[in-house]
C-alpha atoms as a PDB file:
ATOM      1  CA  MET A   1     125.826 108.247 103.691  1.00  0.00           C
ATOM      2  CA  ILE A   2     125.611 111.743 105.527  1.00  0.00           C
ATOM      3  CA  PRO A   3     128.509 112.121 108.059  1.00  0.00           C
ATOM      4  CA  ALA A   4     126.979 112.408 111.502  1.00  0.00           C
ATOM      5  CA  ALA A   5     128.790 112.297 114.852  1.00  0.00           C
ATOM      6  CA  GLN A   6     127.687 109.527 117.195  1.00  0.00           C
ATOM      7  CA  SER A   7     124.919 110.577 119.890  1.00  0.00           C
ATOM      8  CA  ALA A   8     126.227 110.280 123.417  1.00  0.00           C
ATOM      9  CA  GLN A   9     123.063 108.155 124.088  1.00  0.00           C
ATOM     10  CA  GLN A  10     123.590 105.825 121.040  1.00  0.00           C
ATOM     11  CA  ARG A  11     124.461 102.136 122.030  1.00  0.00           C
ATOM     12  CA  ALA A  12     127.373 100.733 120.241  1.00  0.00           C
ATOM     13  CA  PRO A  13     126.138  99.571 116.813  1.00  0.00           C
ATOM     14  CA  ARG A  14     125.370  95.851 116.146  1.00  0.00           C
ATOM     15  CA  PRO A  15     126.031  94.658 112.443  1.00  0.00           C
ATOM     16  CA  ILE A  16     123.046  95.073 110.400  1.00  0.00           C
ATOM     17  CA  ALA A  17     122.211  91.193 109.526  1.00  0.00           C
ATOM     18  CA  ASN A  18     121.313  90.136 105.956  1.00  0.00           C
ATOM     19  CA  LEU A  19     120.782  93.415 104.364  1.00  0.00           C
ATOM     20  CA  GLN A  20     120.534  91.822 100.965  1.00  0.00           C
ATOM     21  CA  THR A  21     117.147  89.669 102.171  1.00  0.00           C
ATOM     22  CA  SER A  22     115.080  89.971  99.047  1.00  0.00           C
ATOM     23  CA  ARG A  23     112.058  87.923  99.513  1.00  0.00           C
ATOM     24  CA  TRP A  24     109.711  90.619 100.825  1.00  0.00           C
ATOM     25  CA  GLN A  25     110.866  92.728  97.565  1.00  0.00           C
ATOM     26  CA  GLN A  26     109.891  90.019  95.255  1.00  0.00           C
ATOM     27  CA  LEU A  27     106.242  89.496  97.151  1.00  0.00           C
ATOM     28  CA  TRP A  28     106.145  93.332  96.432  1.00  0.00           C
ATOM     29  CA  ARG A  29     106.818  93.172  92.929  1.00  0.00           C
ATOM     30  CA  ASP A  30     104.416  90.282  92.637  1.00  0.00           C
ATOM     31  CA  ALA A  31     101.379  92.366  93.926  1.00  0.00           C
ATOM     32  CA  VAL A  32      98.221  92.457  92.413  1.00  0.00           C
ATOM     33  CA  ARG A  33      97.851  95.338  90.078  1.00  0.00           C
ATOM     34  CA  ASP A  34      94.893  95.049  87.950  1.00  0.00           C
ATOM     35  CA  PRO A  35      91.413  95.124  89.509  1.00  0.00           C
ATOM     36  CA  ARG A  36      89.974  92.568  87.335  1.00  0.00           C
ATOM     37  CA  GLU A  37      92.432  90.132  88.028  1.00  0.00           C
ATOM     38  CA  LEU A  38      91.689  90.899  91.864  1.00  0.00           C
ATOM     39  CA  LEU A  39      87.858  89.919  91.089  1.00  0.00           C
ATOM     40  CA  SER A  40      88.697  86.900  89.259  1.00  0.00           C
ATOM     41  CA  MET A  41      90.922  85.796  92.360  1.00  0.00           C
ATOM     42  CA  LEU A  42      87.962  86.168  94.543  1.00  0.00           C
ATOM     43  CA  GLY A  43      85.206  84.830  92.185  1.00  0.00           C
ATOM     44  CA  LEU A  44      83.602  88.171  91.804  1.00  0.00           C
ATOM     45  CA  GLU A  45      83.707  88.783  88.114  1.00  0.00           C
ATOM     46  CA  GLY A  46      80.427  90.020  88.415  1.00  0.00           C
ATOM     47  CA  MET A  47      81.628  93.172  89.972  1.00  0.00           C
ATOM     48  CA  ALA A  48      83.601  94.335  87.229  1.00  0.00           C
ATOM     49  CA  ALA A  49      80.941  96.790  85.907  1.00  0.00           C
ATOM     50  CA  ARG A  50      81.667  98.731  89.108  1.00  0.00           C
ATOM     51  CA  ILE A  51      85.301  99.264  88.698  1.00  0.00           C
ATOM     52  CA  SER A  52      86.206 102.797  87.727  1.00  0.00           C
ATOM     53  CA  ASP A  53      89.141 102.557  85.063  1.00  0.00           C
ATOM     54  CA  SER A  54      89.619 106.296  85.651  1.00  0.00           C
ATOM     55  CA  ALA A  55      90.168 106.061  89.575  1.00  0.00           C
ATOM     56  CA  ALA A  56      92.512 103.257  88.767  1.00  0.00           C
ATOM     57  CA  MET A  57      94.428 105.178  86.495  1.00  0.00           C
ATOM     58  CA  GLN A  58      94.689 108.204  88.877  1.00  0.00           C
ATOM     59  CA  PHE A  59      95.595 106.024  91.880  1.00  0.00           C
ATOM     60  CA  PRO A  60      96.355 102.199  90.611  1.00  0.00           C
ATOM     61  CA  LEU A  61      95.691  99.132  92.553  1.00  0.00           C
ATOM     62  CA  ARG A  62      98.375  97.356  94.460  1.00  0.00           C
ATOM     63  CA  VAL A  63      97.833  94.629  96.911  1.00  0.00           C
ATOM     64  CA  PRO A  64     100.125  92.064  97.787  1.00  0.00           C
ATOM     65  CA  ARG A  65      98.796  88.786  97.385  1.00  0.00           C
ATOM     66  CA  GLY A  66      99.239  87.616 101.074  1.00  0.00           C
ATOM     67  CA  PHE A  67      96.627  90.206 101.875  1.00  0.00           C
ATOM     68  CA  VAL A  68      94.260  89.097  99.039  1.00  0.00           C
ATOM     69  CA  ALA A  69      94.441  85.703 100.600  1.00  0.00           C
ATOM     70  CA  ARG A  70      92.738  87.181 103.583  1.00  0.00           C
ATOM     71  CA  MET A  71      89.631  88.260 101.655  1.00  0.00           C
ATOM     72  CA  ARG A  72      86.709  86.013 101.574  1.00  0.00           C
ATOM     73  CA  GLN A  73      85.730  84.284  98.422  1.00  0.00           C
ATOM     74  CA  GLY A  74      82.717  85.239  96.563  1.00  0.00           C
ATOM     75  CA  ASP A  75      82.047  88.120  99.184  1.00  0.00           C
ATOM     76  CA  PRO A  76      81.551  91.341  97.433  1.00  0.00           C
ATOM     77  CA  HIS A  77      81.289  93.306 100.819  1.00  0.00           C
ATOM     78  CA  ASP A  78      84.659  91.733 101.918  1.00  0.00           C
ATOM     79  CA  PRO A  79      85.865  94.651 104.196  1.00  0.00           C
ATOM     80  CA  LEU A  80      89.296  94.114 103.015  1.00  0.00           C
ATOM     81  CA  LEU A  81      88.593  94.231  99.241  1.00  0.00           C
ATOM     82  CA  ARG A  82      86.516  97.240 100.057  1.00  0.00           C
ATOM     83  CA  GLN A  83      89.661  99.161 101.297  1.00  0.00           C
ATOM     84  CA  VAL A  84      91.776  98.450  97.943  1.00  0.00           C
ATOM     85  CA  LEU A  85      89.282  98.144  94.790  1.00  0.00           C
ATOM     86  CA  PRO A  86      88.654 101.327  92.715  1.00  0.00           C
ATOM     87  CA  ILE A  87      85.214 101.793  92.405  1.00  0.00           C
ATOM     88  CA  ASP A  88      83.104 104.136  90.510  1.00  0.00           C
ATOM     89  CA  ASP A  89      81.901 106.197  93.893  1.00  0.00           C
ATOM     90  CA  GLU A  90      85.380 107.311  93.817  1.00  0.00           C
ATOM     91  CA  ASP A  91      84.581 109.466  90.654  1.00  0.00           C
ATOM     92  CA  ARG A  92      81.810 111.569  92.375  1.00  0.00           C
ATOM     93  CA  ILE A  93      83.010 115.292  92.858  1.00  0.00           C
ATOM     94  CA  VAL A  94      81.498 115.765  96.690  1.00  0.00           C
ATOM     95  CA  GLU A  95      81.371 119.369  98.069  1.00  0.00           C
ATOM     96  CA  GLY A  96      84.170 119.731 100.991  1.00  0.00           C
ATOM     97  CA  PHE A  97      86.487 117.032  99.765  1.00  0.00           C
ATOM     98  CA  THR A  98      89.597 118.492  98.658  1.00  0.00           C
ATOM     99  CA  LEU A  99      93.208 117.212  97.526  1.00  0.00           C
ATOM    100  CA  ASP A 100      95.250 118.423 100.854  1.00  0.00           C
ATOM    101  CA  ALA A 101      92.421 118.178 103.533  1.00  0.00           C
ATOM    102  CA  VAL A 102      95.072 117.668 106.274  1.00  0.00           C
ATOM    103  CA  GLY A 103      96.677 120.699 105.356  1.00  0.00           C
ATOM    104  CA  ASP A 104     100.042 118.904 104.705  1.00  0.00           C
ATOM    105  CA  ALA A 105     101.143 121.863 102.187  1.00  0.00           C
ATOM    106  CA  ALA A 106     100.840 124.514 104.847  1.00  0.00           C
ATOM    107  CA  ALA A 107     103.147 122.547 107.248  1.00  0.00           C
ATOM    108  CA  ARG A 108     106.113 122.145 105.159  1.00  0.00           C
ATOM    109  CA  SER A 109     109.241 123.463 106.593  1.00  0.00           C
ATOM    110  CA  ALA A 110     111.541 121.770 103.929  1.00  0.00           C
ATOM    111  CA  ASN A 111     111.609 119.320 101.153  1.00  0.00           C
ATOM    112  CA  GLY A 112     109.741 116.093 102.914  1.00  0.00           C
ATOM    113  CA  VAL A 113     109.474 117.594 106.347  1.00  0.00           C
ATOM    114  CA  LEU A 114     106.043 118.436 107.673  1.00  0.00           C
ATOM    115  CA  GLN A 115     105.703 120.248 111.148  1.00  0.00           C
ATOM    116  CA  LYS A 116     102.162 120.675 112.387  1.00  0.00           C
ATOM    117  CA  TYR A 117     102.583 120.059 115.945  1.00  0.00           C
ATOM    118  CA  GLN A 118     104.995 121.129 118.561  1.00  0.00           C
ATOM    119  CA  GLY A 119     108.037 119.344 119.356  1.00  0.00           C
ATOM    120  CA  ARG A 120     107.427 117.018 116.074  1.00  0.00           C
ATOM    121  CA  ALA A 121     108.843 116.925 112.717  1.00  0.00           C
ATOM    122  CA  LEU A 122     107.377 114.208 110.232  1.00  0.00           C
ATOM    123  CA  LEU A 123     109.469 112.864 107.359  1.00  0.00           C
ATOM    124  CA  VAL A 124     107.861 111.837 104.402  1.00  0.00           C
ATOM    125  CA  ALA A 125     110.656 109.466 103.679  1.00  0.00           C
ATOM    126  CA  THR A 126     109.254 108.029 100.499  1.00  0.00           C
ATOM    127  CA  GLY A 127     106.251 107.838  98.310  1.00  0.00           C
ATOM    128  CA  SER A 128     106.021 103.960  97.868  1.00  0.00           C
ATOM    129  CA  CYS A 129     103.571 101.667  99.741  1.00  0.00           C
ATOM    130  CA  ALA A 130     102.762  97.920  99.275  1.00  0.00           C
ATOM    131  CA  ILE A 131      99.128  98.735  99.357  1.00  0.00           C
ATOM    132  CA  HIS A 132      96.985 101.512  97.915  1.00  0.00           C
ATOM    133  CA  CYS A 133      94.415 101.979 100.363  1.00  0.00           C
ATOM    134  CA  ARG A 134      91.747 103.900  98.650  1.00  0.00           C
ATOM    135  CA  TYR A 135      90.915 106.122 101.686  1.00  0.00           C
ATOM    136  CA  CYS A 136      94.341 107.384 101.978  1.00  0.00           C
ATOM    137  CA  PHE A 137      94.692 111.073 102.853  1.00  0.00           C
ATOM    138  CA  ARG A 138      97.940 111.435 100.835  1.00  0.00           C
ATOM    139  CA  ARG A 139      96.872 109.799  97.419  1.00  0.00           C
ATOM    140  CA  HIS A 140      97.101 113.586  95.727  1.00  0.00           C
ATOM    141  CA  PHE A 141     100.236 114.124  97.582  1.00  0.00           C
ATOM    142  CA  PRO A 142     103.221 115.339  95.224  1.00  0.00           C
ATOM    143  CA  TYR A 143     105.587 112.678  96.247  1.00  0.00           C
ATOM    144  CA  SER A 144     107.820 113.075  93.392  1.00  0.00           C
ATOM    145  CA  ASP A 145     108.673 116.858  94.272  1.00  0.00           C
ATOM    146  CA  GLU A 146     108.309 116.188  98.152  1.00  0.00           C
ATOM    147  CA  THR A 147     110.375 113.105 100.030  1.00  0.00           C
ATOM    148  CA  ALA A 148     112.807 113.627 102.621  1.00  0.00           C
ATOM    149  CA  ALA A 149     115.068 111.402 101.205  1.00  0.00           C
ATOM    150  CA  ARG A 150     115.919 113.824  98.244  1.00  0.00           C
ATOM    151  CA  ALA A 151     119.901 114.874  98.209  1.00  0.00           C
ATOM    152  CA  GLY A 152     120.790 112.023 100.918  1.00  0.00           C
ATOM    153  CA  TRP A 153     118.484 113.580 103.248  1.00  0.00           C
ATOM    154  CA  GLN A 154     120.462 116.570 103.832  1.00  0.00           C
ATOM    155  CA  GLU A 155     117.907 118.933 103.872  1.00  0.00           C
ATOM    156  CA  ALA A 156     115.494 117.273 106.115  1.00  0.00           C
ATOM    157  CA  ILE A 157     118.384 116.242 108.673  1.00  0.00           C
ATOM    158  CA  ALA A 158     119.627 120.242 108.685  1.00  0.00           C
ATOM    159  CA  THR A 159     116.027 121.353 109.209  1.00  0.00           C
ATOM    160  CA  ILE A 160     115.351 119.080 112.301  1.00  0.00           C
ATOM    161  CA  ARG A 161     119.133 119.769 113.693  1.00  0.00           C
ATOM    162  CA  ASN A 162     118.496 123.696 113.176  1.00  0.00           C
ATOM    163  CA  ASP A 163     115.130 123.424 115.593  1.00  0.00           C
ATOM    164  CA  ALA A 164     115.769 122.536 119.031  1.00  0.00           C
ATOM    165  CA  SER A 165     112.184 122.500 119.654  1.00  0.00           C
ATOM    166  CA  VAL A 166     112.003 119.036 117.889  1.00  0.00           C
ATOM    167  CA  ASP A 167     112.471 116.015 120.101  1.00  0.00           C
ATOM    168  CA  GLU A 168     110.175 113.517 118.293  1.00  0.00           C
ATOM    169  CA  VAL A 169     110.630 112.358 114.709  1.00  0.00           C
ATOM    170  CA  ILE A 170     108.186 110.252 112.789  1.00  0.00           C
ATOM    171  CA  LEU A 171     108.957 108.434 109.575  1.00  0.00           C
ATOM    172  CA  SER A 172     106.192 108.265 107.412  1.00  0.00           C
ATOM    173  CA  GLY A 173     105.330 108.424 103.633  1.00  0.00           C
ATOM    174  CA  GLY A 174     104.324 106.625 101.428  1.00  0.00           C
ATOM    175  CA  ASP A 175     105.547 103.836 103.907  1.00  0.00           C
ATOM    176  CA  PRO A 176     108.963 104.238 105.224  1.00  0.00           C
ATOM    177  CA  LEU A 177     109.236 100.466 105.650  1.00  0.00           C
ATOM    178  CA  SER A 178     109.135 100.118 101.702  1.00  0.00           C
ATOM    179  CA  LEU A 179     112.730 101.671 101.933  1.00  0.00           C
ATOM    180  CA  ALA A 180     115.612  99.160 101.679  1.00  0.00           C
ATOM    181  CA  THR A 181     116.877  98.663 105.304  1.00  0.00           C
ATOM    182  CA  SER A 182     120.477 100.204 104.078  1.00  0.00           C
ATOM    183  CA  LYS A 183     118.379 103.367 103.123  1.00  0.00           C
ATOM    184  CA  LEU A 184     116.843 103.391 106.891  1.00  0.00           C
ATOM    185  CA  VAL A 185     120.263 102.978 108.433  1.00  0.00           C
ATOM    186  CA  GLU A 186     121.590 105.629 106.579  1.00  0.00           C
ATOM    187  CA  LEU A 187     118.558 108.091 107.617  1.00  0.00           C
ATOM    188  CA  THR A 188     118.637 106.971 111.414  1.00  0.00           C
ATOM    189  CA  ASP A 189     122.581 106.938 111.484  1.00  0.00           C
ATOM    190  CA  ALA A 190     122.399 110.800 110.435  1.00  0.00           C
ATOM    191  CA  LEU A 191     119.614 111.353 113.074  1.00  0.00           C
ATOM    192  CA  ALA A 192     121.731 110.280 115.847  1.00  0.00           C
ATOM    193  CA  GLY A 193     123.928 112.950 115.402  1.00  0.00           C
ATOM    194  CA  VAL A 194     121.024 115.291 116.543  1.00  0.00           C
ATOM    195  CA  PRO A 195     121.340 115.532 120.150  1.00  0.00           C
ATOM    196  CA  HIS A 196     117.763 116.852 120.943  1.00  0.00           C
ATOM    197  CA  ILE A 197     116.095 113.926 119.431  1.00  0.00           C
ATOM    198  CA  LYS A 198     114.547 111.869 122.267  1.00  0.00           C
ATOM    199  CA  ARG A 199     112.087 109.861 120.587  1.00  0.00           C
ATOM    200  CA  LEU A 200     111.362 108.155 117.138  1.00  0.00           C
ATOM    201  CA  ARG A 201     107.961 107.036 115.470  1.00  0.00           C
ATOM    202  CA  ILE A 202     107.595 104.870 112.643  1.00  0.00           C
ATOM    203  CA  HIS A 203     104.211 104.606 111.169  1.00  0.00           C
ATOM    204  CA  SER A 204     103.798 101.468 108.666  1.00  0.00           C
ATOM    205  CA  ARG A 205     101.220  99.164 107.190  1.00  0.00           C
ATOM    206  CA  LEU A 206     103.786  96.870 105.824  1.00  0.00           C
ATOM    207  CA  PRO A 207     103.906  94.682 108.984  1.00  0.00           C
ATOM    208  CA  VAL A 208     100.081  94.114 108.520  1.00  0.00           C
ATOM    209  CA  VAL A 209     100.005  93.655 104.757  1.00  0.00           C
ATOM    210  CA  LEU A 210     103.433  92.343 103.878  1.00  0.00           C
ATOM    211  CA  PRO A 211     104.728  90.924 107.266  1.00  0.00           C
ATOM    212  CA  GLU A 212     107.326  89.445 105.396  1.00  0.00           C
ATOM    213  CA  ARG A 213     109.263  92.871 105.252  1.00  0.00           C
ATOM    214  CA  ILE A 214     109.829  92.135 109.164  1.00  0.00           C
ATOM    215  CA  ASP A 215     113.300  90.384 108.337  1.00  0.00           C
ATOM    216  CA  ALA A 216     116.706  89.917 110.012  1.00  0.00           C
ATOM    217  CA  GLY A 217     117.922  93.040 108.636  1.00  0.00           C
ATOM    218  CA  LEU A 218     115.226  94.984 109.622  1.00  0.00           C
ATOM    219  CA  LEU A 219     115.114  93.664 112.976  1.00  0.00           C
ATOM    220  CA  SER A 220     118.883  94.370 113.450  1.00  0.00           C
ATOM    221  CA  TRP A 221     118.320  97.948 112.613  1.00  0.00           C
ATOM    222  CA  LEU A 222     115.583  98.406 114.980  1.00  0.00           C
ATOM    223  CA  ASP A 223     117.276  96.827 117.612  1.00  0.00           C
ATOM    224  CA  ARG A 224     120.248  99.176 117.285  1.00  0.00           C
ATOM    225  CA  LEU A 225     118.189 102.484 117.198  1.00  0.00           C
ATOM    226  CA  PRO A 226     119.293 104.743 120.007  1.00  0.00           C
ATOM    227  CA  TRP A 227     115.990 106.244 120.960  1.00  0.00           C
ATOM    228  CA  PRO A 228     112.998 104.949 122.478  1.00  0.00           C
ATOM    229  CA  THR A 229     110.463 103.815 119.425  1.00  0.00           C
ATOM    230  CA  THR A 230     107.268 103.416 118.746  1.00  0.00           C
ATOM    231  CA  LEU A 231     105.743 101.447 115.582  1.00  0.00           C
ATOM    232  CA  VAL A 232     102.525 102.573 114.520  1.00  0.00           C
ATOM    233  CA  ILE A 233     100.853  99.856 112.578  1.00  0.00           C
ATOM    234  CA  HIS A 234      97.638 100.393 110.588  1.00  0.00           C
ATOM    235  CA  ALA A 235      94.804  97.875 110.553  1.00  0.00           C
ATOM    236  CA  ASN A 236      91.187  98.750 110.273  1.00  0.00           C
ATOM    237  CA  HIS A 237      89.423  95.327 110.366  1.00  0.00           C
ATOM    238  CA  THR A 238      90.351  91.954 112.529  1.00  0.00           C
ATOM    239  CA  ASN A 239      90.707  90.094 109.112  1.00  0.00           C
ATOM    240  CA  GLU A 240      93.757  91.680 108.457  1.00  0.00           C
ATOM    241  CA  PHE A 241      95.678  89.898 111.175  1.00  0.00           C
ATOM    242  CA  ASP A 242      96.866  86.327 110.898  1.00  0.00           C
ATOM    243  CA  GLY A 243      99.611  84.360 111.838  1.00  0.00           C
ATOM    244  CA  SER A 244     102.251  85.822 110.014  1.00  0.00           C
ATOM    245  CA  VAL A 245     101.272  89.045 111.247  1.00  0.00           C
ATOM    246  CA  ASP A 246     101.326  87.584 114.522  1.00  0.00           C
ATOM    247  CA  ALA A 247     104.814  86.223 114.289  1.00  0.00           C
ATOM    248  CA  ALA A 248     105.929  89.672 112.729  1.00  0.00           C
ATOM    249  CA  LEU A 249     105.103  91.615 115.440  1.00  0.00           C
ATOM    250  CA  ALA A 250     106.494  89.592 117.952  1.00  0.00           C
ATOM    251  CA  GLN A 251     110.015  89.662 116.209  1.00  0.00           C
ATOM    252  CA  VAL A 252     109.392  93.589 116.532  1.00  0.00           C
ATOM    253  CA  ARG A 253     108.464  93.722 120.224  1.00  0.00           C
ATOM    254  CA  LYS A 254     111.480  91.431 121.123  1.00  0.00           C
ATOM    255  CA  THR A 255     113.510  94.355 120.042  1.00  0.00           C
ATOM    256  CA  GLY A 256     112.115  96.426 122.660  1.00  0.00           C
ATOM    257  CA  ILE A 257     109.786  98.455 120.409  1.00  0.00           C
ATOM    258  CA  THR A 258     106.444  99.991 121.497  1.00  0.00           C
ATOM    259  CA  VAL A 259     103.495  98.898 118.790  1.00  0.00           C
ATOM    260  CA  LEU A 260     100.556 100.861 118.690  1.00  0.00           C
ATOM    261  CA  ASN A 261      97.636 100.020 116.069  1.00  0.00           C
ATOM    262  CA  GLN A 262      95.578 103.083 114.526  1.00  0.00           C
ATOM    263  CA  ALA A 263      92.831 102.577 112.383  1.00  0.00           C
ATOM    264  CA  VAL A 264      90.257 104.888 110.060  1.00  0.00           C
ATOM    265  CA  LEU A 265      86.524 104.550 110.829  1.00  0.00           C
ATOM    266  CA  LEU A 266      85.294 103.269 107.357  1.00  0.00           C
ATOM    267  CA  ARG A 267      81.869 102.777 105.923  1.00  0.00           C
ATOM    268  CA  GLY A 268      81.532  99.240 104.795  1.00  0.00           C
ATOM    269  CA  VAL A 269      84.616  97.940 106.807  1.00  0.00           C
ATOM    270  CA  ASN A 270      84.197  98.724 110.474  1.00  0.00           C
ATOM    271  CA  ASP A 271      81.147 100.949 110.941  1.00  0.00           C
ATOM    272  CA  SER A 272      79.804  98.619 114.020  1.00  0.00           C
ATOM    273  CA  VAL A 273      80.299  98.255 117.360  1.00  0.00           C
ATOM    274  CA  ASP A 274      81.126  94.377 116.709  1.00  0.00           C
ATOM    275  CA  ALA A 275      83.650  94.886 114.018  1.00  0.00           C
ATOM    276  CA  LEU A 276      85.592  97.584 116.063  1.00  0.00           C
ATOM    277  CA  ALA A 277      85.443  95.517 119.305  1.00  0.00           C
ATOM    278  CA  ALA A 278      86.815  92.576 117.174  1.00  0.00           C
ATOM    279  CA  LEU A 279      89.458  94.808 115.805  1.00  0.00           C
ATOM    280  CA  SER A 280      90.870  96.048 119.037  1.00  0.00           C
ATOM    281  CA  GLU A 281      90.919  92.652 120.893  1.00  0.00           C
ATOM    282  CA  ARG A 282      92.441  91.149 117.662  1.00  0.00           C
ATOM    283  CA  SER A 283      95.153  93.586 117.617  1.00  0.00           C
ATOM    284  CA  PHE A 284      95.813  93.602 121.148  1.00  0.00           C
ATOM    285  CA  ALA A 285      96.402  89.869 121.056  1.00  0.00           C
ATOM    286  CA  ALA A 286      98.670  90.512 118.031  1.00  0.00           C
ATOM    287  CA  GLY A 287     100.698  92.741 120.495  1.00  0.00           C
ATOM    288  CA  ALA A 288      99.449  96.282 119.184  1.00  0.00           C
ATOM    289  CA  LEU A 289      97.783  98.268 121.680  1.00  0.00           C
ATOM    290  CA  PRO A 290      94.958 100.504 120.318  1.00  0.00           C
ATOM    291  CA  TYR A 291      95.789 103.792 119.536  1.00  0.00           C
ATOM    292  CA  TYR A 292      93.869 105.976 117.300  1.00  0.00           C
ATOM    293  CA  LEU A 293      90.349 105.705 115.650  1.00  0.00           C
ATOM    294  CA  HIS A 294      90.307 108.412 112.962  1.00  0.00           C
ATOM    295  CA  GLN A 295      87.474 110.104 111.356  1.00  0.00           C
ATOM    296  CA  LEU A 296      88.151 109.882 107.656  1.00  0.00           C
ATOM    297  CA  ASP A 297      90.241 112.839 106.174  1.00  0.00           C
ATOM    298  CA  ARG A 298      87.985 114.560 103.904  1.00  0.00           C
ATOM    299  CA  VAL A 299      90.123 113.751 100.631  1.00  0.00           C
ATOM    300  CA  SER A 300      88.954 113.900  96.983  1.00  0.00           C
ATOM    301  CA  ALA A 301      87.365 110.373  95.877  1.00  0.00           C
ATOM    302  CA  THR A 302      86.587 108.960  99.446  1.00  0.00           C
ATOM    303  CA  ALA A 303      83.319 110.196 100.373  1.00  0.00           C
ATOM    304  CA  HIS A 304      81.654 106.712 100.113  1.00  0.00           C
ATOM    305  CA  PHE A 305      83.666 105.737 103.427  1.00  0.00           C
ATOM    306  CA  GLU A 306      82.465 108.654 105.361  1.00  0.00           C
ATOM    307  CA  ILE A 307      80.556 108.103 108.767  1.00  0.00           C
ATOM    308  CA  SER A 308      79.046 111.576 110.085  1.00  0.00           C
ATOM    309  CA  ASP A 309      80.298 112.587 113.653  1.00  0.00           C
ATOM    310  CA  ASP A 310      76.990 111.577 115.248  1.00  0.00           C
ATOM    311  CA  ILE A 311      76.973 108.024 114.596  1.00  0.00           C
ATOM    312  CA  ALA A 312      80.880 107.662 114.877  1.00  0.00           C
ATOM    313  CA  GLN A 313      80.570 109.100 118.612  1.00  0.00           C
ATOM    314  CA  GLY A 314      77.799 106.613 119.193  1.00  0.00           C
ATOM    315  CA  LEU A 315      79.683 103.667 118.003  1.00  0.00           C
ATOM    316  CA  HIS A 316      82.733 104.945 120.192  1.00  0.00           C
ATOM    317  CA  ALA A 317      80.459 105.376 123.299  1.00  0.00           C
ATOM    318  CA  ALA A 318      79.278 101.729 122.830  1.00  0.00           C
ATOM    319  CA  LEU A 319      82.650 100.338 122.494  1.00  0.00           C
ATOM    320  CA  ALA A 320      83.899 102.116 125.430  1.00  0.00           C
ATOM    321  CA  ALA A 321      80.833 100.460 127.580  1.00  0.00           C
ATOM    322  CA  ARG A 322      81.837  97.143 126.090  1.00  0.00           C
ATOM    323  CA  LEU A 323      85.651  96.887 126.379  1.00  0.00           C
ATOM    324  CA  SER A 324      88.426  97.800 129.117  1.00  0.00           C
ATOM    325  CA  GLY A 325      89.821 101.013 128.704  1.00  0.00           C
ATOM    326  CA  TYR A 326      93.133 100.307 127.348  1.00  0.00           C
ATOM    327  CA  LEU A 327      91.410  98.514 124.671  1.00  0.00           C
ATOM    328  CA  VAL A 328      89.328 101.738 123.278  1.00  0.00           C
ATOM    329  CA  PRO A 329      91.410 103.541 120.923  1.00  0.00           C
ATOM    330  CA  ARG A 330      90.811 107.489 120.885  1.00  0.00           C
ATOM    331  CA  LEU A 331      88.637 108.763 118.531  1.00  0.00           C
ATOM    332  CA  VAL A 332      89.900 111.627 116.757  1.00  0.00           C
ATOM    333  CA  ARG A 333      89.938 114.099 113.394  1.00  0.00           C
ATOM    334  CA  GLU A 334      92.750 115.769 111.966  1.00  0.00           C
ATOM    335  CA  ILE A 335      92.051 119.590 111.392  1.00  0.00           C
ATOM    336  CA  ALA A 336      94.363 121.447 109.323  1.00  0.00           C
ATOM    337  CA  GLY A 337      96.038 124.095 111.456  1.00  0.00           C
ATOM    338  CA  ASP A 338      94.923 122.545 114.909  1.00  0.00           C
ATOM    339  CA  PRO A 339      97.987 122.047 117.317  1.00  0.00           C
ATOM    340  CA  GLY A 340      97.000 118.057 117.654  1.00  0.00           C
ATOM    341  CA  LYS A 341      94.439 115.654 116.782  1.00  0.00           C
ATOM    342  CA  ARG A 342      90.979 116.722 117.591  1.00  0.00           C
ATOM    343  CA  PRO A 343      89.021 114.464 119.935  1.00  0.00           C
ATOM    344  CA  LEU A 344      85.658 113.817 118.833  1.00  0.00           C
END
């Protein structure tokens, strides 16, 4: 624990309940890691010839079994399967696709701290994720050298404390909710001693792919946070939601947390108006307001997911014509060096 004075705005701490809960950790350990096992579970053994062993070695498969259960049996085009299966398309070298497409390295201000935009500091809290998405923009990130948790968060906290322009902290990764709740408490207790922090944002895929993570201990932590807090979940297709995700998000919202959903526009996953409309409506029904629809970050091994800007803009215009305005996420692209996400 990093000693830190209590913020004047901080509510009286409530005890963190049930820190030893381990069901989600067991489910994490039981995740599917063999591409051929995944195909066998879905009755798709015939797709094994498309598996790229080199891609799987460089960026291993990991997918919770609960997420696999939402995939369609016998469907080689299942949109959830496409997001996680390492296939031979990843082996193609495509001009313009690089290891650091969004300029993370240039934005580093301390170990595990990225500062791209005015007033915000992003903490790379961990390199771990419950699921390995094949389009991940940080699939090549040097997590072994760059996580804010090193040395007990000290360098990261000091960097934020010494920059009074930072009023919002973003927990990212990896997936910050992959950390034990006790580690999250340690981090936010330290951040509570920084008086100029006004908001906290948490980016996590776990409430969607491993909703069991939203347990009593985590909810107690969320409930005692001293700042207005936003949880940005990540779902790309309506089939990623089920009753377990709905229940988890309902519990999060009871703590007063704002919940948003961001998605990535992906070929073969959600590149139709029907798919995008269904995603927005289902996300909102689950309590997550549509936030961003990202154009693909041009990271090596992801070119097969890319949609052209012209097609993306056409899809977004059709989506805006179909849905109420609050259900239409902003279509954006991240450009290294820009002062914010660039609207398209």
